PDB file of N, CA and C in Angstrom:
ATOM      1  N   MET A   1       0.810  -1.195   0.000  1.00  0.00           N
ATOM      2  CA  MET A   1       0.000   0.000   0.000  1.00  0.00           C
ATOM      3  C   MET A   1       0.862   1.272   0.000  1.00  0.00           C
ATOM      4  N   PRO A   2       1.896   1.392   0.848  1.00  0.00           N
ATOM      5  CA  PRO A   2       2.715   2.606   0.814  1.00  0.00           C
ATOM      6  C   PRO A   2       3.414   2.773  -0.537  1.00  0.00           C
ATOM      7  N   PHE A   3       3.794   1.654  -1.153  1.00  0.00           N
ATOM      8  CA  PHE A   3       4.439   1.742  -2.466  1.00  0.00           C
ATOM      9  C   PHE A   3       3.479   2.314  -3.494  1.00  0.00           C
ATOM     10  N   LEU A   4       2.240   1.917  -3.444  1.00  0.00           N
ATOM     11  CA  LEU A   4       1.221   2.407  -4.372  1.00  0.00           C
ATOM     12  C   LEU A   4       0.987   3.904  -4.178  1.00  0.00           C
ATOM     13  N   LEU A   5       0.956   4.380  -2.941  1.00  0.00           N
ATOM     14  CA  LEU A   5       0.808   5.800  -2.661  1.00  0.00           C
ATOM     15  C   LEU A   5       2.022   6.586  -3.177  1.00  0.00           C
ATOM     16  N   LEU A   6       3.196   6.013  -3.049  1.00  0.00           N
ATOM     17  CA  LEU A   6       4.411   6.652  -3.547  1.00  0.00           C
ATOM     18  C   LEU A   6       4.368   6.801  -5.061  1.00  0.00           C
ATOM     19  N   VAL A   7       3.960   5.773  -5.757  1.00  0.00           N
ATOM     20  CA  VAL A   7       3.869   5.813  -7.220  1.00  0.00           C
ATOM     21  C   VAL A   7       2.808   6.817  -7.657  1.00  0.00           C
ATOM     22  N   VAL A   8       1.666   6.831  -7.014  1.00  0.00           N
ATOM     23  CA  VAL A   8       0.606   7.781  -7.354  1.00  0.00           C
ATOM     24  C   VAL A   8       1.080   9.204  -7.063  1.00  0.00           C
ATOM     25  N   GLY A   9       1.772   9.406  -5.972  1.00  0.00           N
ATOM     26  CA  GLY A   9       2.309  10.723  -5.629  1.00  0.00           C
ATOM     27  C   GLY A   9       3.331  11.205  -6.653  1.00  0.00           C
ATOM     28  N   LEU A  10       4.215  10.308  -7.070  1.00  0.00           N
ATOM     29  CA  LEU A  10       5.206  10.657  -8.091  1.00  0.00           C
ATOM     30  C   LEU A  10       4.538  10.997  -9.416  1.00  0.00           C
ATOM     31  N   LEU A  11       3.543  10.232  -9.796  1.00  0.00           N
ATOM     32  CA  LEU A  11       2.827  10.507 -11.038  1.00  0.00           C
ATOM     33  C   LEU A  11       2.089  11.845 -10.957  1.00  0.00           C
ATOM     34  N   ALA A  12       1.470  12.122  -9.814  1.00  0.00           N
ATOM     35  CA  ALA A  12       0.768  13.398  -9.646  1.00  0.00           C
ATOM     36  C   ALA A  12       1.764  14.553  -9.680  1.00  0.00           C
ATOM     37  N   GLY A  13       2.911  14.394  -9.045  1.00  0.00           N
ATOM     38  CA  GLY A  13       3.952  15.426  -9.062  1.00  0.00           C
ATOM     39  C   GLY A  13       4.481  15.663 -10.471  1.00  0.00           C
ATOM     40  N   ALA A  14       4.681  14.584 -11.212  1.00  0.00           N
ATOM     41  CA  ALA A  14       5.153  14.711 -12.587  1.00  0.00           C
ATOM     42  C   ALA A  14       4.111  15.416 -13.445  1.00  0.00           C
ATOM     43  N   LEU A  15       2.844  15.108 -13.220  1.00  0.00           N
ATOM     44  CA  LEU A  15       1.771  15.747 -13.972  1.00  0.00           C
ATOM     45  C   LEU A  15       1.709  17.246 -13.675  1.00  0.00           C
ATOM     46  N   VAL A  16       1.820  17.607 -12.417  1.00  0.00           N
ATOM     47  CA  VAL A  16       1.818  19.020 -12.043  1.00  0.00           C
ATOM     48  C   VAL A  16       3.052  19.718 -12.628  1.00  0.00           C
ATOM     49  N   GLY A  17       4.195  19.084 -12.581  1.00  0.00           N
ATOM     50  CA  GLY A  17       5.419  19.640 -13.154  1.00  0.00           C
ATOM     51  C   GLY A  17       5.281  19.881 -14.656  1.00  0.00           C
ATOM     52  N   MET A  18       4.704  18.911 -15.356  1.00  0.00           N
ATOM     53  CA  MET A  18       4.496  19.052 -16.791  1.00  0.00           C
ATOM     54  C   MET A  18       3.536  20.208 -17.080  1.00  0.00           C
ATOM     55  N   LEU A  19       2.505  20.332 -16.247  1.00  0.00           N
ATOM     56  CA  LEU A  19       1.549  21.407 -16.422  1.00  0.00           C
ATOM     57  C   LEU A  19       2.214  22.778 -16.216  1.00  0.00           C
ATOM     58  N   VAL A  20       3.053  22.910 -15.213  1.00  0.00           N
ATOM     59  CA  VAL A  20       3.771  24.167 -14.952  1.00  0.00           C
ATOM     60  C   VAL A  20       4.715  24.495 -16.102  1.00  0.00           C
ATOM     61  N   ILE A  21       5.447  23.497 -16.572  1.00  0.00           N
ATOM     62  CA  ILE A  21       6.388  23.717 -17.685  1.00  0.00           C
ATOM     63  C   ILE A  21       5.629  24.115 -18.948  1.00  0.00           C
ATOM     64  N   SER A  22       4.530  23.450 -19.232  1.00  0.00           N
ATOM     65  CA  SER A  22       3.746  23.760 -20.423  1.00  0.00           C
ATOM     66  C   SER A  22       3.180  25.177 -20.351  1.00  0.00           C
ATOM     67  N   THR A  23       2.686  25.569 -19.181  1.00  0.00           N
ATOM     68  CA  THR A  23       2.129  26.915 -19.013  1.00  0.00           C
ATOM     69  C   THR A  23       3.220  27.967 -19.167  1.00  0.00           C
ATOM     70  N   THR A  24       4.379  27.713 -18.597  1.00  0.00           N
ATOM     71  CA  THR A  24       5.502  28.654 -18.700  1.00  0.00           C
ATOM     72  C   THR A  24       5.956  28.811 -20.148  1.00  0.00           C
ATOM     73  N   LEU A  25       6.046  27.702 -20.870  1.00  0.00           N
ATOM     74  CA  LEU A  25       6.450  27.762 -22.278  1.00  0.00           C
ATOM     75  C   LEU A  25       5.411  28.489 -23.128  1.00  0.00           C
ATOM     76  N   ALA A  26       4.137  28.284 -22.838  1.00  0.00           N
ATOM     77  CA  ALA A  26       3.083  28.968 -23.589  1.00  0.00           C
ATOM     78  C   ALA A  26       3.136  30.471 -23.333  1.00  0.00           C
ATOM     79  N   ALA A  27       3.368  30.863 -22.091  1.00  0.00           N
ATOM     80  CA  ALA A  27       3.471  32.290 -21.769  1.00  0.00           C
ATOM     81  C   ALA A  27       4.689  32.903 -22.456  1.00  0.00           C
ATOM     82  N   GLY A  28       5.790  32.181 -22.467  1.00  0.00           N
ATOM     83  CA  GLY A  28       6.995  32.663 -23.158  1.00  0.00           C
ATOM     84  C   GLY A  28       6.772  32.785 -24.653  1.00  0.00           C
ATOM     85  N   SER A  29       6.074  31.814 -25.224  1.00  0.00           N
ATOM     86  CA  SER A  29       5.775  31.863 -26.657  1.00  0.00           C
ATOM     87  C   SER A  29       4.885  33.054 -26.987  1.00  0.00           C
ATOM     88  N   PHE A  30       3.902  33.320 -26.137  1.00  0.00           N
ATOM     89  CA  PHE A  30       3.018  34.467 -26.342  1.00  0.00           C
ATOM     90  C   PHE A  30       3.818  35.763 -26.256  1.00  0.00           C
ATOM     91  N   ARG A  31       4.715  35.850 -25.306  1.00  0.00           N
ATOM     92  CA  ARG A  31       5.550  37.051 -25.147  1.00  0.00           C
ATOM     93  C   ARG A  31       6.451  37.235 -26.369  1.00  0.00           C
ATOM     94  N   ILE A  32       7.010  36.167 -26.885  1.00  0.00           N
ATOM     95  CA  ILE A  32       7.873  36.248 -28.073  1.00  0.00           C
ATOM     96  C   ILE A  32       7.082  36.740 -29.274  1.00  0.00           C
ATOM     97  N   SER A  33       5.885  36.203 -29.476  1.00  0.00           N
ATOM     98  CA  SER A  33       5.096  36.639 -30.628  1.00  0.00           C
ATOM     99  C   SER A  33       4.686  38.104 -30.488  1.00  0.00           C
ATOM    100  N   THR A  34       4.381  38.558 -29.275  1.00  0.00           N
ATOM    101  CA  THR A  34       4.040  39.964 -29.049  1.00  0.00           C
ATOM    102  C   THR A  34       5.236  40.861 -29.359  1.00  0.00           C
ATOM    103  N   LEU A  35       6.411  40.462 -28.904  1.00  0.00           N
ATOM    104  CA  LEU A  35       7.620  41.252 -29.165  1.00  0.00           C
ATOM    105  C   LEU A  35       7.964  41.273 -30.654  1.00  0.00           C
ATOM    106  N   GLN A  36       7.739  40.170 -31.353  1.00  0.00           N
ATOM    107  CA  GLN A  36       8.002  40.140 -32.789  1.00  0.00           C
ATOM    108  C   GLN A  36       7.057  41.083 -33.537  1.00  0.00           C
ATOM    109  N   GLN A  37       5.804  41.133 -33.107  1.00  0.00           N
ATOM    110  CA  GLN A  37       4.857  42.061 -33.735  1.00  0.00           C
ATOM    111  C   GLN A  37       5.255  43.506 -33.472  1.00  0.00           C
ATOM    112  N   GLN A  38       5.693  43.799 -32.260  1.00  0.00           N
ATOM    113  CA  GLN A  38       6.156  45.151 -31.942  1.00  0.00           C
ATOM    114  C   GLN A  38       7.393  45.501 -32.758  1.00  0.00           C
ATOM    115  N   ASN A  39       8.277  44.537 -32.919  1.00  0.00           N
ATOM    116  CA  ASN A  39       9.495  44.749 -33.703  1.00  0.00           C
ATOM    117  C   ASN A  39       9.160  45.065 -35.157  1.00  0.00           C
ATOM    118  N   GLN A  40       8.196  44.348 -35.725  1.00  0.00           N
ATOM    119  CA  GLN A  40       7.787  44.607 -37.099  1.00  0.00           C
ATOM    120  C   GLN A  40       7.148  45.985 -37.235  1.00  0.00           C
ATOM    121  N   ALA A  41       6.333  46.356 -36.266  1.00  0.00           N
ATOM    122  CA  ALA A  41       5.692  47.676 -36.313  1.00  0.00           C
ATOM    123  C   ALA A  41       6.731  48.784 -36.203  1.00  0.00           C
ATOM    124  N   LEU A  42       7.716  48.607 -35.334  1.00  0.00           N
ATOM    125  CA  LEU A  42       8.764  49.618 -35.179  1.00  0.00           C
ATOM    126  C   LEU A  42       9.664  49.690 -36.418  1.00  0.00           C
ATOM    127  N   ALA A  43       9.924  48.549 -37.040  1.00  0.00           N
ATOM    128  CA  ALA A  43      10.721  48.554 -38.268  1.00  0.00           C
ATOM    129  C   ALA A  43       9.981  49.289 -39.383  1.00  0.00           C
ATOM    130  N   LYS A  44       8.680  49.085 -39.466  1.00  0.00           N
ATOM    131  CA  LYS A  44       7.872  49.784 -40.474  1.00  0.00           C
ATOM    132  C   LYS A  44       7.863  51.285 -40.196  1.00  0.00           C
ATOM    133  N   GLN A  45       7.724  51.652 -38.924  1.00  0.00           N
ATOM    134  CA  GLN A  45       7.738  53.075 -38.554  1.00  0.00           C
ATOM    135  C   GLN A  45       9.096  53.703 -38.869  1.00  0.00           C
ATOM    136  N   GLN A  46      10.175  52.969 -38.599  1.00  0.00           N
ATOM    137  CA  GLN A  46      11.513  53.478 -38.904  1.00  0.00           C
ATOM    138  C   GLN A  46      11.672  53.701 -40.410  1.00  0.00           C
ATOM    139  N   GLN A  47      11.191  52.773 -41.201  1.00  0.00           N
ATOM    140  CA  GLN A  47      11.275  52.902 -42.650  1.00  0.00           C
ATOM    141  C   GLN A  47      10.490  54.122 -43.139  1.00  0.00           C
ATOM    142  N   GLN A  48       9.299  54.337 -42.572  1.00  0.00           N
ATOM    143  CA  GLN A  48       8.497  55.496 -42.954  1.00  0.00           C
ATOM    144  C   GLN A  48       9.202  56.801 -42.567  1.00  0.00           C
ATOM    145  N   LEU A  49       9.805  56.824 -41.386  1.00  0.00           N
ATOM    146  CA  LEU A  49      10.514  58.025 -40.942  1.00  0.00           C
ATOM    147  C   LEU A  49      11.745  58.297 -41.811  1.00  0.00           C
ATOM    148  N   GLN A  50      12.458  57.247 -42.191  1.00  0.00           N
ATOM    149  CA  GLN A  50      13.616  57.428 -43.069  1.00  0.00           C
ATOM    150  C   GLN A  50      13.176  57.962 -44.432  1.00  0.00           C
ATOM    151  N   GLN A  51      12.053  57.473 -44.927  1.00  0.00           N
ATOM    152  CA  GLN A  51      11.535  57.960 -46.207  1.00  0.00           C
ATOM    153  C   GLN A  51      11.116  59.424 -46.086  1.00  0.00           C
ATOM    154  N   GLN A  52      10.499  59.788 -44.966  1.00  0.00           N
ATOM    155  CA  GLN A  52      10.088  61.172 -44.752  1.00  0.00           C
ATOM    156  C   GLN A  52      11.309  62.091 -44.677  1.00  0.00           C
ATOM    157  N   VAL A  53      12.365  61.633 -43.999  1.00  0.00           N
ATOM    158  CA  VAL A  53      13.595  62.434 -43.910  1.00  0.00           C
ATOM    159  C   VAL A  53      14.202  62.613 -45.290  1.00  0.00           C
ATOM    160  N   ALA A  54      14.218  61.553 -46.080  1.00  0.00           N
ATOM    161  CA  ALA A  54      14.766  61.645 -47.433  1.00  0.00           C
ATOM    162  C   ALA A  54      13.967  62.624 -48.284  1.00  0.00           C
ATOM    163  N   GLN A  55      12.653  62.609 -48.141  1.00  0.00           N
ATOM    164  CA  GLN A  55      11.819  63.539 -48.902  1.00  0.00           C
ATOM    165  C   GLN A  55      12.037  64.971 -48.431  1.00  0.00           C
ATOM    166  N   ASP A  56      12.192  65.157 -47.129  1.00  0.00           N
ATOM    167  CA  ASP A  56      12.374  66.507 -46.596  1.00  0.00           C
ATOM    168  C   ASP A  56      13.743  67.090 -46.930  1.00  0.00           C
ATOM    169  N   GLN A  57      14.699  66.249 -47.300  1.00  0.00           N
ATOM    170  CA  GLN A  57      16.031  66.733 -47.654  1.00  0.00           C
ATOM    171  C   GLN A  57      16.145  67.103 -49.125  1.00  0.00           C
ATOM    172  N   ALA A  58      15.091  66.917 -49.885  1.00  0.00           N
ATOM    173  CA  ALA A  58      15.119  67.258 -51.311  1.00  0.00           C
ATOM    174  C   ALA A  58      15.280  68.777 -51.468  1.00  0.00           C
ATOM    175  N   PRO A  59      16.105  69.206 -52.421  1.00  0.00           N
ATOM    176  CA  PRO A  59      16.332  70.644 -52.608  1.00  0.00           C
ATOM    177  C   PRO A  59      15.053  71.436 -52.860  1.00  0.00           C
ATOM    178  N   SER A  60      14.107  70.854 -53.576  1.00  0.00           N
ATOM    179  CA  SER A  60      12.868  71.586 -53.864  1.00  0.00           C
ATOM    180  C   SER A  60      12.072  71.829 -52.583  1.00  0.00           C
ATOM    181  N   VAL A  61      12.043  70.851 -51.684  1.00  0.00           N
ATOM    182  CA  VAL A  61      11.317  71.007 -50.422  1.00  0.00           C
ATOM    183  C   VAL A  61      12.009  72.061 -49.558  1.00  0.00           C
ATOM    184  N   ILE A  62      13.325  72.022 -49.521  1.00  0.00           N
ATOM    185  CA  ILE A  62      14.074  73.012 -48.741  1.00  0.00           C
ATOM    186  C   ILE A  62      13.842  74.411 -49.298  1.00  0.00           C
ATOM    187  N   ALA A  63      13.816  74.538 -50.624  1.00  0.00           N
ATOM    188  CA  ALA A  63      13.573  75.843 -51.243  1.00  0.00           C
ATOM    189  C   ALA A  63      12.174  76.351 -50.912  1.00  0.00           C
ATOM    190  N   GLN A  64      11.185  75.476 -50.935  1.00  0.00           N
ATOM    191  CA  GLN A  64       9.820  75.885 -50.605  1.00  0.00           C
ATOM    192  C   GLN A  64       9.715  76.344 -49.154  1.00  0.00           C
ATOM    193  N   ARG A  65      10.356  75.634 -48.257  1.00  0.00           N
ATOM    194  CA  ARG A  65      10.313  76.014 -46.841  1.00  0.00           C
ATOM    195  C   ARG A  65      11.045  77.341 -46.620  1.00  0.00           C
ATOM    196  N   ALA A  66      12.177  77.524 -47.308  1.00  0.00           N
ATOM    197  CA  ALA A  66      12.908  78.781 -47.172  1.00  0.00           C
ATOM    198  C   ALA A  66      12.070  79.943 -47.700  1.00  0.00           C
ATOM    199  N   GLU A  67      11.359  79.717 -48.789  1.00  0.00           N
ATOM    200  CA  GLU A  67      10.505  80.762 -49.355  1.00  0.00           C
ATOM    201  C   GLU A  67       9.363  81.106 -48.398  1.00  0.00           C
ATOM    202  N   LYS A  68       8.804  80.109 -47.730  1.00  0.00           N
ATOM    203  CA  LYS A  68       7.750  80.362 -46.747  1.00  0.00           C
ATOM    204  C   LYS A  68       8.277  81.184 -45.572  1.00  0.00           C
ATOM    205  N   LEU A  69       9.557  81.014 -45.262  1.00  0.00           N
ATOM    206  CA  LEU A  69      10.156  81.776 -44.169  1.00  0.00           C
ATOM    207  C   LEU A  69      10.557  83.185 -44.592  1.00  0.00           C
ATOM    208  N   GLY A  70      10.404  83.491 -45.867  1.00  0.00           N
ATOM    209  CA  GLY A  70      10.718  84.828 -46.355  1.00  0.00           C
ATOM    210  C   GLY A  70      12.115  84.962 -46.934  1.00  0.00           C
ATOM    211  N   LEU A  71      12.823  83.876 -47.078  1.00  0.00           N
ATOM    212  CA  LEU A  71      14.157  83.926 -47.669  1.00  0.00           C
ATOM    213  C   LEU A  71      14.036  84.013 -49.186  1.00  0.00           C
ATOM    214  N   GLN A  72      15.000  84.691 -49.796  1.00  0.00           N
ATOM    215  CA  GLN A  72      14.998  84.854 -51.243  1.00  0.00           C
ATOM    216  C   GLN A  72      16.311  84.338 -51.800  1.00  0.00           C
ATOM    217  N   PRO A  73      16.289  83.839 -53.048  1.00  0.00           N
ATOM    218  CA  PRO A  73      17.536  83.351 -53.640  1.00  0.00           C
ATOM    219  C   PRO A  73      18.499  84.510 -53.903  1.00  0.00           C
ATOM    220  N   VAL A  74      19.784  84.205 -53.853  1.00  0.00           N
ATOM    221  CA  VAL A  74      20.818  85.213 -54.087  1.00  0.00           C
ATOM    222  C   VAL A  74      20.887  85.509 -55.579  1.00  0.00           C
ATOM    223  N   LYS A  75      20.865  86.789 -55.910  1.00  0.00           N
ATOM    224  CA  LYS A  75      20.927  87.170 -57.319  1.00  0.00           C
ATOM    225  C   LYS A  75      22.373  87.269 -57.797  1.00  0.00           C
ATOM    226  N   GLN A  76      23.236  87.743 -56.938  1.00  0.00           N
ATOM    227  CA  GLN A  76      24.637  87.888 -57.314  1.00  0.00           C
ATOM    228  C   GLN A  76      25.494  87.528 -56.104  1.00  0.00           C
ATOM    229  N   LEU A  77      26.454  86.659 -56.314  1.00  0.00           N
ATOM    230  CA  LEU A  77      27.341  86.261 -55.230  1.00  0.00           C
ATOM    231  C   LEU A  77      28.364  87.354 -54.951  1.00  0.00           C
ATOM    232  N   GLU A  78      28.582  87.601 -53.704  1.00  0.00           N
ATOM    233  CA  GLU A  78      29.602  88.545 -53.288  1.00  0.00           C
ATOM    234  C   GLU A  78      30.508  87.839 -52.289  1.00  0.00           C
ATOM    235  N   PHE A  79      31.789  88.201 -52.344  1.00  0.00           N
ATOM    236  CA  PHE A  79      32.777  87.549 -51.507  1.00  0.00           C
ATOM    237  C   PHE A  79      33.420  88.580 -50.598  1.00  0.00           C
ATOM    238  N   LEU A  80      33.629  88.206 -49.344  1.00  0.00           N
ATOM    239  CA  LEU A  80      34.239  89.081 -48.367  1.00  0.00           C
ATOM    240  C   LEU A  80      35.676  88.643 -48.157  1.00  0.00           C
ATOM    241  N   ASN A  81      36.592  89.553 -48.380  1.00  0.00           N
ATOM    242  CA  ASN A  81      37.993  89.291 -48.093  1.00  0.00           C
ATOM    243  C   ASN A  81      38.212  89.635 -46.631  1.00  0.00           C
ATOM    244  N   VAL A  82      38.470  88.642 -45.828  1.00  0.00           N
ATOM    245  CA  VAL A  82      38.562  88.838 -44.390  1.00  0.00           C
ATOM    246  C   VAL A  82      39.767  89.699 -44.031  1.00  0.00           C
ATOM    247  N   LYS A  83      40.853  89.566 -44.778  1.00  0.00           N
ATOM    248  CA  LYS A  83      42.066  90.333 -44.462  1.00  0.00           C
ATOM    249  C   LYS A  83      41.873  91.822 -44.736  1.00  0.00           C
ATOM    250  N   THR A  84      41.279  92.153 -45.875  1.00  0.00           N
ATOM    251  CA  THR A  84      41.129  93.569 -46.235  1.00  0.00           C
ATOM    252  C   THR A  84      39.764  94.123 -45.835  1.00  0.00           C
ATOM    253  N   GLY A  85      38.783  93.269 -45.647  1.00  0.00           N
ATOM    254  CA  GLY A  85      37.450  93.728 -45.292  1.00  0.00           C
ATOM    255  C   GLY A  85      36.656  94.220 -46.482  1.00  0.00           C
ATOM    256  N   LYS A  86      37.135  93.987 -47.697  1.00  0.00           N
ATOM    257  CA  LYS A  86      36.438  94.446 -48.896  1.00  0.00           C
ATOM    258  C   LYS A  86      35.512  93.358 -49.429  1.00  0.00           C
ATOM    259  N   VAL A  87      34.391  93.808 -49.963  1.00  0.00           N
ATOM    260  CA  VAL A  87      33.435  92.910 -50.600  1.00  0.00           C
ATOM    261  C   VAL A  87      33.652  93.013 -52.096  1.00  0.00           C
ATOM    262  N   SER A  88      33.815  91.855 -52.745  1.00  0.00           N
ATOM    263  CA  SER A  88      34.056  91.869 -54.185  1.00  0.00           C
ATOM    264  C   SER A  88      33.148  90.859 -54.871  1.00  0.00           C
ATOM    265  N   SER A  89      32.943  91.103 -56.155  1.00  0.00           N
ATOM    266  CA  SER A  89      32.124  90.209 -56.961  1.00  0.00           C
ATOM    267  C   SER A  89      32.825  90.038 -58.295  1.00  0.00           C
ATOM    268  N   ASN A  90      32.880  88.810 -58.780  1.00  0.00           N
ATOM    269  CA  ASN A  90      33.510  88.537 -60.069  1.00  0.00           C
ATOM    270  C   ASN A  90      32.464  88.321 -61.153  1.00  0.00           C
ATOM    271  N   ALA A  91      31.243  88.798 -60.918  1.00  0.00           N
ATOM    272  CA  ALA A  91      30.177  88.596 -61.891  1.00  0.00           C
ATOM    273  C   ALA A  91      30.449  89.357 -63.182  1.00  0.00           C
ATOM    274  N   ALA A  92      31.137  90.483 -63.106  1.00  0.00           N
ATOM    275  CA  ALA A  92      31.397  91.298 -64.302  1.00  0.00           C
ATOM    276  C   ALA A  92      32.344  90.587 -65.260  1.00  0.00           C
ATOM    277  N   THR A  93      33.317  89.904 -64.730  1.00  0.00           N
ATOM    278  CA  THR A  93      34.288  89.220 -65.593  1.00  0.00           C
ATOM    279  C   THR A  93      33.823  87.833 -66.002  1.00  0.00           C
ATOM    280  N   GLY A  94      32.898  87.268 -65.255  1.00  0.00           N
ATOM    281  CA  GLY A  94      32.405  85.935 -65.591  1.00  0.00           C
ATOM    282  C   GLY A  94      33.324  84.831 -65.125  1.00  0.00           C
ATOM    283  N   SER A  95      34.388  85.175 -64.420  1.00  0.00           N
ATOM    284  CA  SER A  95      35.313  84.148 -63.941  1.00  0.00           C
ATOM    285  C   SER A  95      34.925  83.731 -62.530  1.00  0.00           C
ATOM    286  N   THR A  96      35.464  82.633 -62.112  1.00  0.00           N
ATOM    287  CA  THR A  96      35.170  82.162 -60.756  1.00  0.00           C
ATOM    288  C   THR A  96      36.057  82.907 -59.772  1.00  0.00           C
ATOM    289  N   ALA A  97      35.588  83.047 -58.591  1.00  0.00           N
ATOM    290  CA  ALA A  97      36.322  83.769 -57.561  1.00  0.00           C
ATOM    291  C   ALA A  97      37.517  82.951 -57.105  1.00  0.00           C
ATOM    292  N   LEU A  98      38.563  83.636 -56.716  1.00  0.00           N
ATOM    293  CA  LEU A  98      39.723  82.967 -56.174  1.00  0.00           C
ATOM    294  C   LEU A  98      39.490  82.748 -54.686  1.00  0.00           C
ATOM    295  N   ILE A  99      39.298  81.520 -54.333  1.00  0.00           N
ATOM    296  CA  ILE A  99      39.067  81.186 -52.934  1.00  0.00           C
ATOM    297  C   ILE A  99      40.333  80.524 -52.412  1.00  0.00           C
ATOM    298  N   GLN A 100      40.905  81.127 -51.416  1.00  0.00           N
ATOM    299  CA  GLN A 100      42.152  80.591 -50.867  1.00  0.00           C
ATOM    300  C   GLN A 100      41.884  80.058 -49.472  1.00  0.00           C
ATOM    301  N   VAL A 101      41.353  78.848 -49.428  1.00  0.00           N
ATOM    302  CA  VAL A 101      41.066  78.182 -48.179  1.00  0.00           C
ATOM    303  C   VAL A 101      41.864  76.903 -48.167  1.00  0.00           C
ATOM    304  N   PRO A 102      42.575  76.625 -47.072  1.00  0.00           N
ATOM    305  CA  PRO A 102      43.355  75.378 -47.028  1.00  0.00           C
ATOM    306  C   PRO A 102      42.443  74.168 -47.213  1.00  0.00           C
ATOM    307  N   GLY A 103      42.830  73.299 -48.100  1.00  0.00           N
ATOM    308  CA  GLY A 103      42.082  72.073 -48.364  1.00  0.00           C
ATOM    309  C   GLY A 103      40.993  72.220 -49.402  1.00  0.00           C
ATOM    310  N   TYR A 104      40.751  73.452 -49.918  1.00  0.00           N
ATOM    311  CA  TYR A 104      39.703  73.665 -50.910  1.00  0.00           C
ATOM    312  C   TYR A 104      40.303  73.540 -52.285  1.00  0.00           C
ATOM    313  N   THR A 105      39.745  72.654 -53.110  1.00  0.00           N
ATOM    314  CA  THR A 105      40.172  72.528 -54.499  1.00  0.00           C
ATOM    315  C   THR A 105      38.943  72.611 -55.385  1.00  0.00           C
ATOM    316  N   PRO A 106      38.857  73.676 -56.177  1.00  0.00           N
ATOM    317  CA  PRO A 106      37.668  73.838 -57.044  1.00  0.00           C
ATOM    318  C   PRO A 106      37.640  72.830 -58.170  1.00  0.00           C
TER     319      PRO A 106
END
């Protein structure tokens, strides 16, 4: 009789253990699927934001925004010589300005 109670007790313990393990694995699986769905949604949102940034960096969009802010395009380029303090323009000659900046190669 005690042996029979021991076997029944072991079987009941094993059954409860299996039930706990199965429940834990199911909860973990549910959590994994939820996180995967969140990951997909965030990846889609990131892609949309990257596309929006790319569109906003287009020169035409920047020009439109600058115009809305009241900025106007430059009609004639003028150059300031920092050493002499004179403003000069090479528009009359049609040549490019001489820019003497270290590392600058036109």
